[in-house]
């Protein structure tokens, strides 16, 4: 008889806030990726499975960081002009 491994899984919105047990692995069904949990971090640590998904997420993160930096700069400038 073959062994069977069952993993918890759910959509990305739920996966991002789920705090799993230490060394628990879950499936993010929205991103089609795995998440490894440490018992503390909401959403665990995302493990991408496809190279194109990794590239897209890296580009999006860079874009988000640029937008945050521009917004922070605008806020800093507005505060310093008071």
Protein backbone atom coordinates (compact mmCIF):
# COMPACT_ATOMS: atom_id res chain seq x y z
CA UNK A 1 0.00 0.00 0.00
CA UNK A 2 1.35 3.45 -0.95
CA UNK A 3 1.87 6.16 1.63
CA UNK A 4 -0.14 9.34 1.26
CA UNK A 5 0.83 12.84 2.35
CA UNK A 6 -1.97 15.31 3.03
CA UNK A 7 -1.35 19.04 3.30
CA UNK A 8 -3.64 21.83 4.43
CA UNK A 9 -4.41 24.37 1.78
CA UNK A 10 -6.48 27.41 1.00
CA UNK A 11 -6.74 30.59 -1.04
CA UNK A 12 -4.02 33.23 -0.84
CA UNK A 13 -6.07 35.58 1.38
CA UNK A 14 -6.31 32.88 4.05
CA UNK A 15 -2.78 31.57 3.51
CA UNK A 16 -1.24 35.03 4.07
CA UNK A 17 -2.61 35.28 7.63
CA UNK A 18 -2.43 31.64 8.72
CA UNK A 19 0.17 30.94 11.41
CA UNK A 20 0.97 27.27 11.07
CA UNK A 21 2.83 25.08 13.50
CA UNK A 22 6.62 24.96 13.38
CA UNK A 23 7.74 22.94 10.31
CA UNK A 24 4.16 22.73 8.97
CA UNK A 25 3.78 22.93 5.19
CA UNK A 26 0.61 24.26 3.58
CA UNK A 27 -0.51 24.80 -0.01
CA UNK A 28 -1.46 28.28 -1.23
CA UNK A 29 -4.04 27.29 -3.83
CA UNK A 30 -4.28 30.82 -5.27
CA UNK A 31 -0.57 31.13 -6.05
CA UNK A 32 -0.07 27.41 -6.54
CA UNK A 33 2.87 27.54 -4.13
CA UNK A 34 3.93 26.04 -0.82
CA UNK A 35 4.29 27.86 2.48
CA UNK A 36 6.61 26.63 5.23
CA UNK A 37 5.60 27.74 8.70
CA UNK A 38 7.68 28.52 11.77
CA UNK A 39 4.89 28.78 14.34
CA UNK A 40 5.22 32.58 14.50
CA UNK A 41 5.11 34.27 11.08
CA UNK A 42 1.66 34.96 9.58
CA UNK A 43 1.62 33.41 6.12
CA UNK A 44 4.78 31.46 6.77
CA UNK A 45 7.54 31.56 4.17
CA UNK A 46 6.39 31.39 0.56
CA UNK A 47 8.11 28.83 -1.66
CA UNK A 48 7.48 29.50 -5.35
CA UNK A 49 7.49 26.46 -7.59
CA UNK A 50 7.68 28.02 -11.07
CA UNK A 51 10.46 30.22 -12.42
CA UNK A 52 8.02 32.63 -14.11
CA UNK A 53 6.14 33.10 -10.83
CA UNK A 54 9.40 33.87 -9.04
CA UNK A 55 10.35 36.45 -11.69
CA UNK A 56 6.91 38.10 -11.57
CA UNK A 57 6.92 38.30 -7.76
CA UNK A 58 10.45 39.75 -7.76
CA UNK A 59 9.45 42.44 -10.28
CA UNK A 60 6.30 43.27 -8.31
CA UNK A 61 8.29 43.56 -5.07
CA UNK A 62 10.79 45.91 -6.73
CA UNK A 63 7.91 48.03 -8.06
CA UNK A 64 6.27 48.10 -4.60
CA UNK A 65 9.57 49.15 -2.99
CA UNK A 66 9.98 51.98 -5.52
CA UNK A 67 6.43 53.19 -4.89
CA UNK A 68 6.97 53.07 -1.12
CA UNK A 69 10.21 55.04 -1.42
CA UNK A 70 8.54 57.72 -3.57
CA UNK A 71 5.61 57.97 -1.16
CA UNK A 72 7.94 58.22 1.85
CA UNK A 73 9.92 60.94 0.10
CA UNK A 74 6.73 62.91 -0.61
CA UNK A 75 5.64 62.58 3.02
CA UNK A 76 9.08 63.66 4.27
CA UNK A 77 9.05 66.69 1.96
CA UNK A 78 5.55 67.69 3.06
CA UNK A 79 6.55 67.46 6.74
CA UNK A 80 9.78 69.45 6.26
CA UNK A 81 7.91 72.30 4.51
CA UNK A 82 5.70 72.97 7.53
